[in-house]
Amino acid sequence: MPGWPPLLNESLAAAYCGQLSTGTFRTVVVPEVPPVPLSERRVAWAREDLDRWIARRRGVMPASGERNPWDEP
């Protein structure tokens, strides 16, 4: 889907992460990517945070605090 919005609700965020079910999204992604509170009862996930999570899963981006392999020594 071209033109993904910058903030995604749970079902869109699950789809963005590879057509995951919402249950799998809650189990696998949510513990590592905190939601953005929109109101008292609504949350969303930032697309850029999901992109970083996907990159870490692919092994092309270090976890927070680790050295980036593309940085100069």
PDB file of N, CA and C in Angstrom:
ATOM      1  N   MET A   1       0.841  -1.175   0.000  1.00  0.00           N
ATOM      2  CA  MET A   1       0.000   0.000   0.000  1.00  0.00           C
ATOM      3  C   MET A   1       0.888   1.240   0.000  1.00  0.00           C
ATOM      4  N   PRO A   2       0.904   1.995  -1.057  1.00  0.00           N
ATOM      5  CA  PRO A   2       1.713   3.216  -1.082  1.00  0.00           C
ATOM      6  C   PRO A   2       1.100   4.277  -0.170  1.00  0.00           C
ATOM      7  N   GLY A   3       1.950   5.150   0.334  1.00  0.00           N
ATOM      8  CA  GLY A   3       1.460   6.251   1.141  1.00  0.00           C
ATOM      9  C   GLY A   3       1.003   5.867   2.533  1.00  0.00           C
ATOM     10  N   TRP A   4       1.727   4.974   3.190  1.00  0.00           N
ATOM     11  CA  TRP A   4       1.378   4.615   4.564  1.00  0.00           C
ATOM     12  C   TRP A   4       1.431   5.870   5.417  1.00  0.00           C
ATOM     13  N   PRO A   5       0.468   6.068   6.320  1.00  0.00           N
ATOM     14  CA  PRO A   5       0.509   7.245   7.196  1.00  0.00           C
ATOM     15  C   PRO A   5       1.634   7.120   8.221  1.00  0.00           C
ATOM     16  N   PRO A   6       2.051   8.235   8.820  1.00  0.00           N
ATOM     17  CA  PRO A   6       3.151   8.178   9.784  1.00  0.00           C
ATOM     18  C   PRO A   6       2.790   7.446  11.072  1.00  0.00           C
ATOM     19  N   LEU A   7       1.522   7.434  11.461  1.00  0.00           N
ATOM     20  CA  LEU A   7       1.061   6.692  12.631  1.00  0.00           C
ATOM     21  C   LEU A   7       0.027   5.664  12.183  1.00  0.00           C
ATOM     22  N   LEU A   8       0.190   4.433  12.671  1.00  0.00           N
ATOM     23  CA  LEU A   8      -0.657   3.330  12.234  1.00  0.00           C
ATOM     24  C   LEU A   8      -1.391   2.722  13.418  1.00  0.00           C
ATOM     25  N   ASN A   9      -2.698   2.461  13.237  1.00  0.00           N
ATOM     26  CA  ASN A   9      -3.416   1.745  14.289  1.00  0.00           C
ATOM     27  C   ASN A   9      -2.934   0.297  14.307  1.00  0.00           C
ATOM     28  N   GLU A  10      -3.420  -0.474  15.258  1.00  0.00           N
ATOM     29  CA  GLU A  10      -2.897  -1.830  15.445  1.00  0.00           C
ATOM     30  C   GLU A  10      -3.022  -2.702  14.197  1.00  0.00           C
ATOM     31  N   SER A  11      -4.165  -2.696  13.565  1.00  0.00           N
ATOM     32  CA  SER A  11      -4.334  -3.568  12.396  1.00  0.00           C
ATOM     33  C   SER A  11      -3.454  -3.124  11.232  1.00  0.00           C
ATOM     34  N   LEU A  12      -3.325  -1.806  11.011  1.00  0.00           N
ATOM     35  CA  LEU A  12      -2.434  -1.326   9.947  1.00  0.00           C
ATOM     36  C   LEU A  12      -0.971  -1.601  10.287  1.00  0.00           C
ATOM     37  N   ALA A  13      -0.601  -1.412  11.553  1.00  0.00           N
ATOM     38  CA  ALA A  13       0.777  -1.676  11.960  1.00  0.00           C
ATOM     39  C   ALA A  13       1.123  -3.156  11.765  1.00  0.00           C
ATOM     40  N   ALA A  14       0.186  -4.035  12.094  1.00  0.00           N
ATOM     41  CA  ALA A  14       0.411  -5.470  11.893  1.00  0.00           C
ATOM     42  C   ALA A  14       0.575  -5.780  10.407  1.00  0.00           C
ATOM     43  N   ALA A  15      -0.247  -5.173   9.584  1.00  0.00           N
ATOM     44  CA  ALA A  15      -0.128  -5.374   8.136  1.00  0.00           C
ATOM     45  C   ALA A  15       1.194  -4.825   7.624  1.00  0.00           C
ATOM     46  N   TYR A  16       1.597  -3.661   8.112  1.00  0.00           N
ATOM     47  CA  TYR A  16       2.843  -3.021   7.683  1.00  0.00           C
ATOM     48  C   TYR A  16       4.052  -3.887   7.998  1.00  0.00           C
ATOM     49  N   CYS A  17       3.976  -4.638   9.096  1.00  0.00           N
ATOM     50  CA  CYS A  17       5.099  -5.484   9.521  1.00  0.00           C
ATOM     51  C   CYS A  17       5.099  -6.841   8.831  1.00  0.00           C
ATOM     52  N   GLY A  18       4.427  -6.977   7.739  1.00  0.00           N
ATOM     53  CA  GLY A  18       4.488  -8.216   6.974  1.00  0.00           C
ATOM     54  C   GLY A  18       3.218  -9.034   7.042  1.00  0.00           C
ATOM     55  N   GLN A  19       2.087  -8.341   7.076  1.00  0.00           N
ATOM     56  CA  GLN A  19       0.794  -9.029   7.113  1.00  0.00           C
ATOM     57  C   GLN A  19       0.661  -9.928   8.335  1.00  0.00           C
ATOM     58  N   LEU A  20       1.175  -9.480   9.486  1.00  0.00           N
ATOM     59  CA  LEU A  20       1.035 -10.231  10.725  1.00  0.00           C
ATOM     60  C   LEU A  20      -0.407 -10.157  11.203  1.00  0.00           C
ATOM     61  N   SER A  21      -0.837 -11.173  11.919  1.00  0.00           N
ATOM     62  CA  SER A  21      -2.125 -11.080  12.600  1.00  0.00           C
ATOM     63  C   SER A  21      -1.941 -10.105  13.764  1.00  0.00           C
ATOM     64  N   THR A  22      -3.043  -9.555  14.259  1.00  0.00           N
ATOM     65  CA  THR A  22      -2.911  -8.637  15.386  1.00  0.00           C
ATOM     66  C   THR A  22      -2.386  -9.368  16.622  1.00  0.00           C
ATOM     67  N   GLY A  23      -2.735 -10.637  16.777  1.00  0.00           N
ATOM     68  CA  GLY A  23      -2.214 -11.416  17.902  1.00  0.00           C
ATOM     69  C   GLY A  23      -0.711 -11.581  17.833  1.00  0.00           C
ATOM     70  N   THR A  24      -0.201 -11.910  16.654  1.00  0.00           N
ATOM     71  CA  THR A  24       1.245 -12.032  16.482  1.00  0.00           C
ATOM     72  C   THR A  24       1.918 -10.680  16.664  1.00  0.00           C
ATOM     73  N   PHE A  25       1.304  -9.629  16.156  1.00  0.00           N
ATOM     74  CA  PHE A  25       1.845  -8.278  16.340  1.00  0.00           C
ATOM     75  C   PHE A  25       1.993  -7.969  17.825  1.00  0.00           C
ATOM     76  N   ARG A  26       0.952  -8.265  18.617  1.00  0.00           N
ATOM     77  CA  ARG A  26       1.004  -8.007  20.063  1.00  0.00           C
ATOM     78  C   ARG A  26       2.100  -8.832  20.738  1.00  0.00           C
ATOM     79  N   THR A  27       2.274 -10.061  20.290  1.00  0.00           N
ATOM     80  CA  THR A  27       3.252 -10.954  20.914  1.00  0.00           C
ATOM     81  C   THR A  27       4.683 -10.622  20.527  1.00  0.00           C
ATOM     82  N   VAL A  28       4.909 -10.313  19.253  1.00  0.00           N
ATOM     83  CA  VAL A  28       6.267 -10.171  18.732  1.00  0.00           C
ATOM     84  C   VAL A  28       6.744  -8.712  18.669  1.00  0.00           C
ATOM     85  N   VAL A  29       5.896  -7.827  18.221  1.00  0.00           N
ATOM     86  CA  VAL A  29       6.324  -6.450  17.961  1.00  0.00           C
ATOM     87  C   VAL A  29       6.125  -5.538  19.175  1.00  0.00           C
ATOM     88  N   VAL A  30       4.951  -5.582  19.773  1.00  0.00           N
ATOM     89  CA  VAL A  30       4.613  -4.643  20.844  1.00  0.00           C
ATOM     90  C   VAL A  30       5.616  -4.652  22.004  1.00  0.00           C
ATOM     91  N   PRO A  31       6.158  -5.800  22.413  1.00  0.00           N
ATOM     92  CA  PRO A  31       7.150  -5.740  23.492  1.00  0.00           C
ATOM     93  C   PRO A  31       8.414  -4.954  23.129  1.00  0.00           C
ATOM     94  N   GLU A  32       8.688  -4.803  21.842  1.00  0.00           N
ATOM     95  CA  GLU A  32       9.907  -4.117  21.401  1.00  0.00           C
ATOM     96  C   GLU A  32       9.656  -2.724  20.846  1.00  0.00           C
ATOM     97  N   VAL A  33       8.427  -2.432  20.456  1.00  0.00           N
ATOM     98  CA  VAL A  33       8.095  -1.132  19.863  1.00  0.00           C
ATOM     99  C   VAL A  33       6.927  -0.531  20.646  1.00  0.00           C
ATOM    100  N   PRO A  34       7.201   0.433  21.500  1.00  0.00           N
ATOM    101  CA  PRO A  34       6.112   1.002  22.291  1.00  0.00           C
ATOM    102  C   PRO A  34       5.156   1.824  21.436  1.00  0.00           C
ATOM    103  N   PRO A  35       3.890   1.814  21.792  1.00  0.00           N
ATOM    104  CA  PRO A  35       2.918   2.621  21.051  1.00  0.00           C
ATOM    105  C   PRO A  35       3.022   4.096  21.406  1.00  0.00           C
ATOM    106  N   VAL A  36       2.447   4.914  20.552  1.00  0.00           N
ATOM    107  CA  VAL A  36       2.351   6.354  20.770  1.00  0.00           C
ATOM    108  C   VAL A  36       0.940   6.629  21.290  1.00  0.00           C
ATOM    109  N   PRO A  37       0.809   7.147  22.502  1.00  0.00           N
ATOM    110  CA  PRO A  37      -0.535   7.436  23.000  1.00  0.00           C
ATOM    111  C   PRO A  37      -1.158   8.606  22.235  1.00  0.00           C
ATOM    112  N   LEU A  38      -2.357   8.409  21.720  1.00  0.00           N
ATOM    113  CA  LEU A  38      -3.056   9.461  20.986  1.00  0.00           C
ATOM    114  C   LEU A  38      -4.119  10.134  21.853  1.00  0.00           C
ATOM    115  N   SER A  39      -4.707   9.362  22.717  1.00  0.00           N
ATOM    116  CA  SER A  39      -5.695   9.869  23.666  1.00  0.00           C
ATOM    117  C   SER A  39      -5.719   8.903  24.832  1.00  0.00           C
ATOM    118  N   GLU A  40      -6.684   9.064  25.716  1.00  0.00           N
ATOM    119  CA  GLU A  40      -6.771   8.172  26.867  1.00  0.00           C
ATOM    120  C   GLU A  40      -6.962   6.709  26.462  1.00  0.00           C
ATOM    121  N   ARG A  41      -7.673   6.488  25.360  1.00  0.00           N
ATOM    122  CA  ARG A  41      -7.994   5.110  24.981  1.00  0.00           C
ATOM    123  C   ARG A  41      -7.464   4.681  23.613  1.00  0.00           C
ATOM    124  N   ARG A  42      -6.743   5.545  22.949  1.00  0.00           N
ATOM    125  CA  ARG A  42      -6.252   5.206  21.611  1.00  0.00           C
ATOM    126  C   ARG A  42      -4.736   5.304  21.543  1.00  0.00           C
ATOM    127  N   VAL A  43      -4.140   4.327  20.880  1.00  0.00           N
ATOM    128  CA  VAL A  43      -2.700   4.339  20.641  1.00  0.00           C
ATOM    129  C   VAL A  43      -2.457   4.033  19.166  1.00  0.00           C
ATOM    130  N   ALA A  44      -1.258   4.352  18.734  1.00  0.00           N
ATOM    131  CA  ALA A  44      -0.829   4.038  17.377  1.00  0.00           C
ATOM    132  C   ALA A  44       0.656   3.734  17.436  1.00  0.00           C
ATOM    133  N   TRP A  45       1.187   3.238  16.334  1.00  0.00           N
ATOM    134  CA  TRP A  45       2.622   2.954  16.248  1.00  0.00           C
ATOM    135  C   TRP A  45       3.198   3.828  15.151  1.00  0.00           C
ATOM    136  N   ALA A  46       4.363   4.420  15.449  1.00  0.00           N
ATOM    137  CA  ALA A  46       5.034   5.275  14.473  1.00  0.00           C
ATOM    138  C   ALA A  46       5.672   4.392  13.402  1.00  0.00           C
ATOM    139  N   ARG A  47       5.410   4.720  12.169  1.00  0.00           N
ATOM    140  CA  ARG A  47       5.957   3.958  11.046  1.00  0.00           C
ATOM    141  C   ARG A  47       7.482   3.905  11.116  1.00  0.00           C
ATOM    142  N   GLU A  48       8.119   5.010  11.511  1.00  0.00           N
ATOM    143  CA  GLU A  48       9.586   5.022  11.584  1.00  0.00           C
ATOM    144  C   GLU A  48      10.092   4.058  12.668  1.00  0.00           C
ATOM    145  N   ASP A  49       9.353   3.916  13.773  1.00  0.00           N
ATOM    146  CA  ASP A  49       9.744   2.937  14.795  1.00  0.00           C
ATOM    147  C   ASP A  49       9.596   1.516  14.259  1.00  0.00           C
ATOM    148  N   LEU A  50       8.536   1.287  13.510  1.00  0.00           N
ATOM    149  CA  LEU A  50       8.339  -0.041  12.914  1.00  0.00           C
ATOM    150  C   LEU A  50       9.418  -0.331  11.876  1.00  0.00           C
ATOM    151  N   ASP A  51       9.825   0.695  11.116  1.00  0.00           N
ATOM    152  CA  ASP A  51      10.911   0.513  10.146  1.00  0.00           C
ATOM    153  C   ASP A  51      12.208   0.104  10.847  1.00  0.00           C
ATOM    154  N   ARG A  52      12.499   0.735  11.987  1.00  0.00           N
ATOM    155  CA  ARG A  52      13.702   0.368  12.745  1.00  0.00           C
ATOM    156  C   ARG A  52      13.594  -1.062  13.268  1.00  0.00           C
ATOM    157  N   TRP A  53      12.415  -1.444  13.745  1.00  0.00           N
ATOM    158  CA  TRP A  53      12.215  -2.817  14.238  1.00  0.00           C
ATOM    159  C   TRP A  53      12.445  -3.819  13.105  1.00  0.00           C
ATOM    160  N   ILE A  54      11.900  -3.532  11.930  1.00  0.00           N
ATOM    161  CA  ILE A  54      12.075  -4.413  10.767  1.00  0.00           C
ATOM    162  C   ILE A  54      13.556  -4.503  10.407  1.00  0.00           C
ATOM    163  N   ALA A  55      14.257  -3.369  10.404  1.00  0.00           N
ATOM    164  CA  ALA A  55      15.684  -3.376  10.073  1.00  0.00           C
ATOM    165  C   ALA A  55      16.480  -4.209  11.077  1.00  0.00           C
ATOM    166  N   ARG A  56      16.160  -4.084  12.373  1.00  0.00           N
ATOM    167  CA  ARG A  56      16.849  -4.907  13.375  1.00  0.00           C
ATOM    168  C   ARG A  56      16.573  -6.383  13.145  1.00  0.00           C
ATOM    169  N   ARG A  57      15.339  -6.736  12.819  1.00  0.00           N
ATOM    170  CA  ARG A  57      14.995  -8.138  12.568  1.00  0.00           C
ATOM    171  C   ARG A  57      15.748  -8.678  11.349  1.00  0.00           C
ATOM    172  N   ARG A  58      15.985  -7.810  10.386  1.00  0.00           N
ATOM    173  CA  ARG A  58      16.725  -8.204   9.187  1.00  0.00           C
ATOM    174  C   ARG A  58      18.220  -8.257   9.444  1.00  0.00           C
ATOM    175  N   GLY A  59      18.660  -7.681  10.575  1.00  0.00           N
ATOM    176  CA  GLY A  59      20.077  -7.671  10.898  1.00  0.00           C
ATOM    177  C   GLY A  59      20.847  -6.552  10.235  1.00  0.00           C
ATOM    178  N   VAL A  60      20.142  -5.519   9.773  1.00  0.00           N
ATOM    179  CA  VAL A  60      20.832  -4.416   9.106  1.00  0.00           C
ATOM    180  C   VAL A  60      20.907  -3.161   9.970  1.00  0.00           C
ATOM    181  N   MET A  61      20.374  -3.234  11.183  1.00  0.00           N
ATOM    182  CA  MET A  61      20.442  -2.084  12.074  1.00  0.00           C
ATOM    183  C   MET A  61      20.648  -2.600  13.489  1.00  0.00           C
ATOM    184  N   PRO A  62      21.616  -2.054  14.210  1.00  0.00           N
ATOM    185  CA  PRO A  62      21.870  -2.538  15.563  1.00  0.00           C
ATOM    186  C   PRO A  62      20.757  -2.145  16.524  1.00  0.00           C
ATOM    187  N   ALA A  63      20.628  -2.895  17.580  1.00  0.00           N
ATOM    188  CA  ALA A  63      19.708  -2.540  18.654  1.00  0.00           C
ATOM    189  C   ALA A  63      20.220  -1.275  19.329  1.00  0.00           C
ATOM    190  N   SER A  64      19.366  -0.614  20.046  1.00  0.00           N
ATOM    191  CA  SER A  64      19.720   0.620  20.737  1.00  0.00           C
ATOM    192  C   SER A  64      20.962   0.411  21.604  1.00  0.00           C
ATOM    193  N   GLY A  65      21.915   1.324  21.494  1.00  0.00           N
ATOM    194  CA  GLY A  65      23.123   1.255  22.302  1.00  0.00           C
ATOM    195  C   GLY A  65      24.253   0.442  21.676  1.00  0.00           C
ATOM    196  N   GLU A  66      23.973  -0.315  20.635  1.00  0.00           N
ATOM    197  CA  GLU A  66      25.020  -1.096  19.977  1.00  0.00           C
ATOM    198  C   GLU A  66      25.682  -0.246  18.908  1.00  0.00           C
ATOM    199  N   ARG A  67      26.898  -0.630  18.543  1.00  0.00           N
ATOM    200  CA  ARG A  67      27.628   0.095  17.505  1.00  0.00           C
ATOM    201  C   ARG A  67      26.995  -0.165  16.145  1.00  0.00           C
ATOM    202  N   ASN A  68      26.829   0.890  15.381  1.00  0.00           N
ATOM    203  CA  ASN A  68      26.317   0.776  14.032  1.00  0.00           C
ATOM    204  C   ASN A  68      27.447   0.282  13.125  1.00  0.00           C
ATOM    205  N   PRO A  69      27.231  -0.813  12.372  1.00  0.00           N
ATOM    206  CA  PRO A  69      28.318  -1.344  11.545  1.00  0.00           C
ATOM    207  C   PRO A  69      28.773  -0.404  10.437  1.00  0.00           C
ATOM    208  N   TRP A  70      27.987   0.653  10.138  1.00  0.00           N
ATOM    209  CA  TRP A  70      28.372   1.590   9.084  1.00  0.00           C
ATOM    210  C   TRP A  70      29.136   2.782   9.634  1.00  0.00           C
ATOM    211  N   ASP A  71      29.225   2.894  10.978  1.00  0.00           N
ATOM    212  CA  ASP A  71      29.972   3.998  11.565  1.00  0.00           C
ATOM    213  C   ASP A  71      31.465   3.810  11.362  1.00  0.00           C
ATOM    214  N   GLU A  72      32.178   4.922  11.319  1.00  0.00           N
ATOM    215  CA  GLU A  72      33.640   4.857  11.250  1.00  0.00           C
ATOM    216  C   GLU A  72      34.164   4.312  12.575  1.00  0.00           C
ATOM    217  N   PRO A  73      35.263   3.536  12.551  1.00  0.00           N
ATOM    218  CA  PRO A  73      35.821   3.013  13.825  1.00  0.00           C
ATOM    219  C   PRO A  73      36.358   4.104  14.715  1.00  0.00           C
TER     220      PRO A  73
END
